[in-house]
Amino acid sequence: MLLSEIEFNGVEKDIEKWMRLACTVDVGDSICKNDIDESISIYYGTGNYSSITYTLHEDLSSPDTYVLRFDFVENPPHNLGLGLRFDSQDMLSVLLHMGINSNRMSGFKADFDTKLGSSQWLKMNLSYGNLLYPRINFAYIFRNSELDVYDMDVLDMNVNFLQHKFRLYLSENYSRTFSIGIGLEAELLKNRKAMSCSGANSTITMRQTGGAQDSDIQ
């Protein structure tokens, strides 16, 4: 099938410009279903759309050619989440998430995630940009953690510390195959307390008992 035109329905004009650039087919191409599916995969990869469909119909003004039309249904731009977590250390903790413009492809975005309990953490990410230039991002991560030091499976020391992490970077998230980020990161650790339970000198092991793992809050 030879394309004479590509239409985008349900998107803003500035986003349509990017979609045409990202599309794997173009006017004048002879296409098949796999070519269209590849473009749809790219658009779904933005995370901004709950439904993407397409139709092909014959172009009456140009015999033996077809018009390809994409139809988009956007996700809600903002989101809010609440969860409860039970474990042996915190017993009960509350997880909160709030996103402002999280599902928009351009403009200002803000995302906040936090855990409330005996070991708290907070993640905040602010960004601004459009589809043709890299986004400017600022991220802040805080966590209150504890580290238990064991001597032969007996608690020897408990260390409580605060972590502050700052990131300022540029990112490009809408490439066809990968995303790129470059910037600066600073980290501050503050020891709040270190309580020793014994003074024995022997081989010890360390176990983190509170806070979030790096994979949880990256």
C-alpha atoms as a PDB file:
ATOM      1  CA  MET A   1       0.000   0.000   0.000  1.00  0.00           C
ATOM      2  CA  LEU A   2       1.320   3.384  -1.025  1.00  0.00           C
ATOM      3  CA  LEU A   3       0.728   6.289   1.387  1.00  0.00           C
ATOM      4  CA  SER A   4      -0.480   9.646   0.146  1.00  0.00           C
ATOM      5  CA  GLU A   5      -1.119  11.247   3.568  1.00  0.00           C
ATOM      6  CA  ILE A   6      -0.698  10.658   7.339  1.00  0.00           C
ATOM      7  CA  GLU A   7      -3.173  12.198   9.802  1.00  0.00           C
ATOM      8  CA  PHE A   8      -2.993  12.483  13.593  1.00  0.00           C
ATOM      9  CA  ASN A   9      -6.225  12.871  15.541  1.00  0.00           C
ATOM     10  CA  GLY A  10      -6.462  13.696  19.258  1.00  0.00           C
ATOM     11  CA  VAL A  11      -3.076  15.404  19.684  1.00  0.00           C
ATOM     12  CA  GLU A  12      -1.950  19.007  19.885  1.00  0.00           C
ATOM     13  CA  LYS A  13      -0.169  20.669  16.977  1.00  0.00           C
ATOM     14  CA  ASP A  14       3.277  20.825  18.622  1.00  0.00           C
ATOM     15  CA  ILE A  15       3.061  17.137  19.577  1.00  0.00           C
ATOM     16  CA  GLU A  16       1.945  16.276  16.043  1.00  0.00           C
ATOM     17  CA  LYS A  17       5.201  17.749  14.705  1.00  0.00           C
ATOM     18  CA  TRP A  18       7.223  15.389  16.898  1.00  0.00           C
ATOM     19  CA  MET A  19       5.026  12.427  15.961  1.00  0.00           C
ATOM     20  CA  ARG A  20       5.679  13.003  12.292  1.00  0.00           C
ATOM     21  CA  LEU A  21       9.419  13.035  12.975  1.00  0.00           C
ATOM     22  CA  ALA A  22       9.225   9.877  15.099  1.00  0.00           C
ATOM     23  CA  CYS A  23       6.937   8.013  12.691  1.00  0.00           C
ATOM     24  CA  THR A  24       8.616   5.072  10.950  1.00  0.00           C
ATOM     25  CA  VAL A  25       6.590   5.585   7.767  1.00  0.00           C
ATOM     26  CA  ASP A  26       6.273   8.611   5.510  1.00  0.00           C
ATOM     27  CA  VAL A  27       4.210   9.879   2.626  1.00  0.00           C
ATOM     28  CA  GLY A  28       5.223   8.075  -0.529  1.00  0.00           C
ATOM     29  CA  ASP A  29       6.278   4.885   1.278  1.00  0.00           C
ATOM     30  CA  SER A  30       4.927   1.475   0.477  1.00  0.00           C
ATOM     31  CA  ILE A  31       3.961   0.076   3.887  1.00  0.00           C
ATOM     32  CA  CYS A  32       2.780  -3.056   5.657  1.00  0.00           C
ATOM     33  CA  LYS A  33       1.165  -3.700   9.063  1.00  0.00           C
ATOM     34  CA  ASN A  34       4.533  -4.180  10.826  1.00  0.00           C
ATOM     35  CA  ASP A  35       5.627  -0.693   9.778  1.00  0.00           C
ATOM     36  CA  ILE A  36       2.528   0.847  11.382  1.00  0.00           C
ATOM     37  CA  ASP A  37       2.878  -1.289  14.529  1.00  0.00           C
ATOM     38  CA  GLU A  38       6.437  -0.008  14.991  1.00  0.00           C
ATOM     39  CA  SER A  39       5.218   3.606  15.013  1.00  0.00           C
ATOM     40  CA  ILE A  40       2.434   2.764  17.462  1.00  0.00           C
ATOM     41  CA  SER A  41       4.993   1.143  19.784  1.00  0.00           C
ATOM     42  CA  ILE A  42       6.996   4.372  19.811  1.00  0.00           C
ATOM     43  CA  TYR A  43       3.903   6.429  20.678  1.00  0.00           C
ATOM     44  CA  TYR A  44       2.855   4.014  23.423  1.00  0.00           C
ATOM     45  CA  GLY A  45       6.400   4.242  24.788  1.00  0.00           C
ATOM     46  CA  THR A  46       5.802   7.853  25.842  1.00  0.00           C
ATOM     47  CA  GLY A  47       3.316   6.592  28.459  1.00  0.00           C
ATOM     48  CA  ASN A  48       0.930   9.413  27.611  1.00  0.00           C
ATOM     49  CA  TYR A  49      -1.792   7.506  25.793  1.00  0.00           C
ATOM     50  CA  SER A  50      -4.270   4.874  26.956  1.00  0.00           C
ATOM     51  CA  SER A  51      -5.378   3.963  23.439  1.00  0.00           C
ATOM     52  CA  ILE A  52      -3.836   4.315  19.973  1.00  0.00           C
ATOM     53  CA  THR A  53      -5.626   2.995  16.911  1.00  0.00           C
ATOM     54  CA  TYR A  54      -5.244   3.503  13.188  1.00  0.00           C
ATOM     55  CA  THR A  55      -7.336   3.309  10.029  1.00  0.00           C
ATOM     56  CA  LEU A  56      -6.421   3.100   6.372  1.00  0.00           C
ATOM     57  CA  HIS A  57      -8.751   4.338   3.668  1.00  0.00           C
ATOM     58  CA  GLU A  58      -8.323   4.899  -0.016  1.00  0.00           C
ATOM     59  CA  ASP A  59      -7.447   8.402  -1.145  1.00  0.00           C
ATOM     60  CA  LEU A  60     -10.153   9.317  -3.636  1.00  0.00           C
ATOM     61  CA  SER A  61      -8.076  12.186  -5.015  1.00  0.00           C
ATOM     62  CA  SER A  62      -5.101   9.931  -5.767  1.00  0.00           C
ATOM     63  CA  PRO A  63      -5.881   6.489  -7.184  1.00  0.00           C
ATOM     64  CA  ASP A  64      -4.119   3.437  -5.733  1.00  0.00           C
ATOM     65  CA  THR A  65      -2.895   5.346  -2.667  1.00  0.00           C
ATOM     66  CA  TYR A  66      -4.100   5.377   0.934  1.00  0.00           C
ATOM     67  CA  VAL A  67      -4.497   7.791   3.854  1.00  0.00           C
ATOM     68  CA  LEU A  68      -3.185   6.555   7.220  1.00  0.00           C
ATOM     69  CA  ARG A  69      -4.945   8.013  10.252  1.00  0.00           C
ATOM     70  CA  PHE A  70      -3.808   7.584  13.877  1.00  0.00           C
ATOM     71  CA  ASP A  71      -6.356   8.190  16.663  1.00  0.00           C
ATOM     72  CA  PHE A  72      -5.099   8.899  20.194  1.00  0.00           C
ATOM     73  CA  VAL A  73      -6.812   8.819  23.596  1.00  0.00           C
ATOM     74  CA  GLU A  74      -4.764  10.576  26.277  1.00  0.00           C
ATOM     75  CA  ASN A  75      -4.210   9.334  29.810  1.00  0.00           C
ATOM     76  CA  PRO A  76      -5.338  11.724  32.589  1.00  0.00           C
ATOM     77  CA  PRO A  77      -2.557  14.349  32.927  1.00  0.00           C
ATOM     78  CA  HIS A  78      -2.380  14.119  36.748  1.00  0.00           C
ATOM     79  CA  ASN A  79      -2.305  11.106  39.040  1.00  0.00           C
ATOM     80  CA  LEU A  80      -2.557  10.281  42.723  1.00  0.00           C
ATOM     81  CA  GLY A  81      -1.726   7.022  44.474  1.00  0.00           C
ATOM     82  CA  LEU A  82      -1.962   5.694  48.028  1.00  0.00           C
ATOM     83  CA  GLY A  83      -0.699   2.388  49.412  1.00  0.00           C
ATOM     84  CA  LEU A  84      -0.021   0.562  52.672  1.00  0.00           C
ATOM     85  CA  ARG A  85       3.019  -1.593  53.396  1.00  0.00           C
ATOM     86  CA  PHE A  86       3.546  -4.139  56.145  1.00  0.00           C
ATOM     87  CA  ASP A  87       6.947  -5.579  57.076  1.00  0.00           C
ATOM     88  CA  SER A  88       8.854  -6.849  60.109  1.00  0.00           C
ATOM     89  CA  GLN A  89      10.791  -3.608  60.611  1.00  0.00           C
ATOM     90  CA  ASP A  90       8.273  -0.814  60.045  1.00  0.00           C
ATOM     91  CA  MET A  91       5.149  -2.827  60.849  1.00  0.00           C
ATOM     92  CA  LEU A  92       2.955  -0.355  58.943  1.00  0.00           C
ATOM     93  CA  SER A  93       3.978   2.407  56.565  1.00  0.00           C
ATOM     94  CA  VAL A  94       2.073   4.612  54.124  1.00  0.00           C
ATOM     95  CA  LEU A  95       3.189   5.136  50.513  1.00  0.00           C
ATOM     96  CA  LEU A  96       2.026   8.236  48.633  1.00  0.00           C
ATOM     97  CA  HIS A  97       2.446   9.341  45.029  1.00  0.00           C
ATOM     98  CA  MET A  98       1.322  12.545  43.339  1.00  0.00           C
ATOM     99  CA  GLY A  99       2.006  13.564  39.761  1.00  0.00           C
ATOM    100  CA  ILE A 100       1.266  16.944  38.203  1.00  0.00           C
ATOM    101  CA  ASN A 101       1.234  16.904  34.387  1.00  0.00           C
ATOM    102  CA  SER A 102       2.987  13.525  34.598  1.00  0.00           C
ATOM    103  CA  ASN A 103       1.365  12.280  31.414  1.00  0.00           C
ATOM    104  CA  ARG A 104       2.036  15.333  29.278  1.00  0.00           C
ATOM    105  CA  MET A 105       4.813  15.305  26.714  1.00  0.00           C
ATOM    106  CA  SER A 106       5.808  18.961  27.037  1.00  0.00           C
ATOM    107  CA  GLY A 107       5.750  21.796  29.562  1.00  0.00           C
ATOM    108  CA  PHE A 108       6.188  21.577  33.325  1.00  0.00           C
ATOM    109  CA  LYS A 109       6.045  18.244  35.193  1.00  0.00           C
ATOM    110  CA  ALA A 110       6.260  17.430  38.894  1.00  0.00           C
ATOM    111  CA  ASP A 111       6.298  14.036  40.601  1.00  0.00           C
ATOM    112  CA  PHE A 112       6.363  13.370  44.347  1.00  0.00           C
ATOM    113  CA  ASP A 113       6.762  10.005  46.082  1.00  0.00           C
ATOM    114  CA  THR A 114       7.093   9.427  49.815  1.00  0.00           C
ATOM    115  CA  LYS A 115       6.986   6.741  52.469  1.00  0.00           C
ATOM    116  CA  LEU A 116       5.669   7.613  55.934  1.00  0.00           C
ATOM    117  CA  GLY A 117       6.643   5.305  58.786  1.00  0.00           C
ATOM    118  CA  SER A 118       9.534   4.610  61.123  1.00  0.00           C
ATOM    119  CA  SER A 119      11.979   4.948  58.208  1.00  0.00           C
ATOM    120  CA  GLN A 120      10.884   7.689  55.836  1.00  0.00           C
ATOM    121  CA  TRP A 121      11.947   8.569  52.344  1.00  0.00           C
ATOM    122  CA  LEU A 122      10.966  11.247  49.835  1.00  0.00           C
ATOM    123  CA  LYS A 123      11.586  11.607  46.125  1.00  0.00           C
ATOM    124  CA  MET A 124      10.798  14.775  44.167  1.00  0.00           C
ATOM    125  CA  ASN A 125      11.376  15.363  40.466  1.00  0.00           C
ATOM    126  CA  LEU A 126      10.691  18.639  38.649  1.00  0.00           C
ATOM    127  CA  SER A 127      11.215  19.084  34.925  1.00  0.00           C
ATOM    128  CA  TYR A 128      10.487  21.433  32.066  1.00  0.00           C
ATOM    129  CA  GLY A 129      10.926  21.084  28.340  1.00  0.00           C
ATOM    130  CA  ASN A 130       9.398  20.366  24.972  1.00  0.00           C
ATOM    131  CA  LEU A 131       9.678  17.603  22.412  1.00  0.00           C
ATOM    132  CA  LEU A 132      12.308  19.205  20.212  1.00  0.00           C
ATOM    133  CA  TYR A 133      14.841  20.049  22.947  1.00  0.00           C
ATOM    134  CA  PRO A 134      16.165  18.188  26.020  1.00  0.00           C
ATOM    135  CA  ARG A 135      14.187  18.482  29.263  1.00  0.00           C
ATOM    136  CA  ILE A 136      15.731  20.301  32.233  1.00  0.00           C
ATOM    137  CA  ASN A 137      15.342  18.185  35.385  1.00  0.00           C
ATOM    138  CA  PHE A 138      15.901  18.723  39.087  1.00  0.00           C
ATOM    139  CA  ALA A 139      15.563  15.768  41.455  1.00  0.00           C
ATOM    140  CA  TYR A 140      15.824  15.570  45.233  1.00  0.00           C
ATOM    141  CA  ILE A 141      15.916  12.345  47.246  1.00  0.00           C
ATOM    142  CA  PHE A 142      15.812  12.081  51.030  1.00  0.00           C
ATOM    143  CA  ARG A 143      15.803   8.983  53.184  1.00  0.00           C
ATOM    144  CA  ASN A 144      16.082   8.171  56.857  1.00  0.00           C
ATOM    145  CA  SER A 145      17.761   4.785  57.240  1.00  0.00           C
ATOM    146  CA  GLU A 146      19.091   2.456  59.870  1.00  0.00           C
ATOM    147  CA  LEU A 147      21.973  -0.003  59.616  1.00  0.00           C
ATOM    148  CA  ASP A 148      22.275  -2.927  62.017  1.00  0.00           C
ATOM    149  CA  VAL A 149      25.719  -4.420  62.637  1.00  0.00           C
ATOM    150  CA  TYR A 150      25.673  -8.052  63.791  1.00  0.00           C
ATOM    151  CA  ASP A 151      28.365 -10.048  65.593  1.00  0.00           C
ATOM    152  CA  MET A 152      27.737 -13.773  65.141  1.00  0.00           C
ATOM    153  CA  ASP A 153      24.029 -13.128  64.539  1.00  0.00           C
ATOM    154  CA  VAL A 154      23.834 -10.971  67.687  1.00  0.00           C
ATOM    155  CA  LEU A 155      23.062  -7.254  67.277  1.00  0.00           C
ATOM    156  CA  ASP A 156      26.286  -5.351  67.999  1.00  0.00           C
ATOM    157  CA  MET A 157      25.521  -1.796  66.783  1.00  0.00           C
ATOM    158  CA  ASN A 158      22.698   0.264  65.355  1.00  0.00           C
ATOM    159  CA  VAL A 159      23.490   3.238  63.107  1.00  0.00           C
ATOM    160  CA  ASN A 160      20.875   5.804  62.057  1.00  0.00           C
ATOM    161  CA  PHE A 161      21.687   8.197  59.198  1.00  0.00           C
ATOM    162  CA  LEU A 162      20.066  10.725  56.865  1.00  0.00           C
ATOM    163  CA  GLN A 163      20.761  10.836  53.161  1.00  0.00           C
ATOM    164  CA  HIS A 164      20.201  13.830  50.868  1.00  0.00           C
ATOM    165  CA  LYS A 165      20.781  13.458  47.132  1.00  0.00           C
ATOM    166  CA  PHE A 166      20.490  16.231  44.521  1.00  0.00           C
ATOM    167  CA  ARG A 167      20.482  15.878  40.751  1.00  0.00           C
ATOM    168  CA  LEU A 168      20.464  18.513  38.003  1.00  0.00           C
ATOM    169  CA  TYR A 169      20.472  17.101  34.485  1.00  0.00           C
ATOM    170  CA  LEU A 170      19.269  17.266  30.913  1.00  0.00           C
ATOM    171  CA  SER A 171      17.319  14.351  29.495  1.00  0.00           C
ATOM    172  CA  GLU A 172      15.881  13.227  26.179  1.00  0.00           C
ATOM    173  CA  ASN A 173      13.229  10.549  26.671  1.00  0.00           C
ATOM    174  CA  TYR A 174      11.524  10.210  23.326  1.00  0.00           C
ATOM    175  CA  SER A 175      14.127   8.733  21.016  1.00  0.00           C
ATOM    176  CA  ARG A 176      13.070   5.760  18.936  1.00  0.00           C
ATOM    177  CA  THR A 177      15.324   3.242  20.674  1.00  0.00           C
ATOM    178  CA  PHE A 178      16.870   4.769  23.827  1.00  0.00           C
ATOM    179  CA  SER A 179      16.947   7.741  26.200  1.00  0.00           C
ATOM    180  CA  ILE A 180      19.873   9.940  27.236  1.00  0.00           C
ATOM    181  CA  GLY A 181      20.588  11.925  30.391  1.00  0.00           C
ATOM    182  CA  ILE A 182      23.596  13.992  31.428  1.00  0.00           C
ATOM    183  CA  GLY A 183      24.141  16.228  34.466  1.00  0.00           C
ATOM    184  CA  LEU A 184      25.462  16.600  37.986  1.00  0.00           C
ATOM    185  CA  GLU A 185      24.762  14.752  41.242  1.00  0.00           C
ATOM    186  CA  ALA A 186      25.638  15.613  44.837  1.00  0.00           C
ATOM    187  CA  GLU A 187      25.051  13.494  47.935  1.00  0.00           C
ATOM    188  CA  LEU A 188      25.139  14.337  51.645  1.00  0.00           C
ATOM    189  CA  LEU A 189      25.109  11.736  54.431  1.00  0.00           C
ATOM    190  CA  LYS A 190      24.524  12.737  58.044  1.00  0.00           C
ATOM    191  CA  ASN A 191      24.974  10.276  60.919  1.00  0.00           C
ATOM    192  CA  ARG A 192      22.283  10.868  63.544  1.00  0.00           C
ATOM    193  CA  LYS A 193      23.263   8.217  66.064  1.00  0.00           C
ATOM    194  CA  ALA A 194      25.377   5.092  66.524  1.00  0.00           C
ATOM    195  CA  MET A 195      24.484   2.860  69.434  1.00  0.00           C
ATOM    196  CA  SER A 196      26.862   0.052  70.402  1.00  0.00           C
ATOM    197  CA  CYS A 197      25.484  -3.006  72.174  1.00  0.00           C
ATOM    198  CA  SER A 198      28.824  -4.673  72.912  1.00  0.00           C
ATOM    199  CA  GLY A 199      32.545  -4.112  72.613  1.00  0.00           C
ATOM    200  CA  ALA A 200      33.604  -7.507  71.357  1.00  0.00           C
ATOM    201  CA  ASN A 201      36.199  -7.676  68.587  1.00  0.00           C
ATOM    202  CA  SER A 202      35.194 -10.284  66.017  1.00  0.00           C
ATOM    203  CA  THR A 203      33.946 -10.702  62.466  1.00  0.00           C
ATOM    204  CA  ILE A 204      30.730  -8.757  61.925  1.00  0.00           C
ATOM    205  CA  THR A 205      28.049  -8.533  59.257  1.00  0.00           C
ATOM    206  CA  MET A 206      25.910  -5.517  58.349  1.00  0.00           C
ATOM    207  CA  ARG A 207      22.230  -5.445  57.409  1.00  0.00           C
ATOM    208  CA  GLN A 208      20.212  -2.424  56.366  1.00  0.00           C
ATOM    209  CA  THR A 209      16.972  -2.460  58.299  1.00  0.00           C
ATOM    210  CA  GLY A 210      15.165   0.718  57.280  1.00  0.00           C
ATOM    211  CA  GLY A 211      14.704   3.238  54.521  1.00  0.00           C
ATOM    212  CA  ALA A 212      14.449   2.499  50.830  1.00  0.00           C
ATOM    213  CA  GLN A 213      16.797   0.598  48.608  1.00  0.00           C
ATOM    214  CA  ASP A 214      18.431   2.548  45.792  1.00  0.00           C
ATOM    215  CA  SER A 215      16.299   0.699  43.261  1.00  0.00           C
ATOM    216  CA  ASP A 216      13.155   1.921  45.058  1.00  0.00           C
ATOM    217  CA  ILE A 217      13.906   5.618  44.803  1.00  0.00           C
ATOM    218  CA  GLN A 218      16.094   6.131  41.753  1.00  0.00           C
END
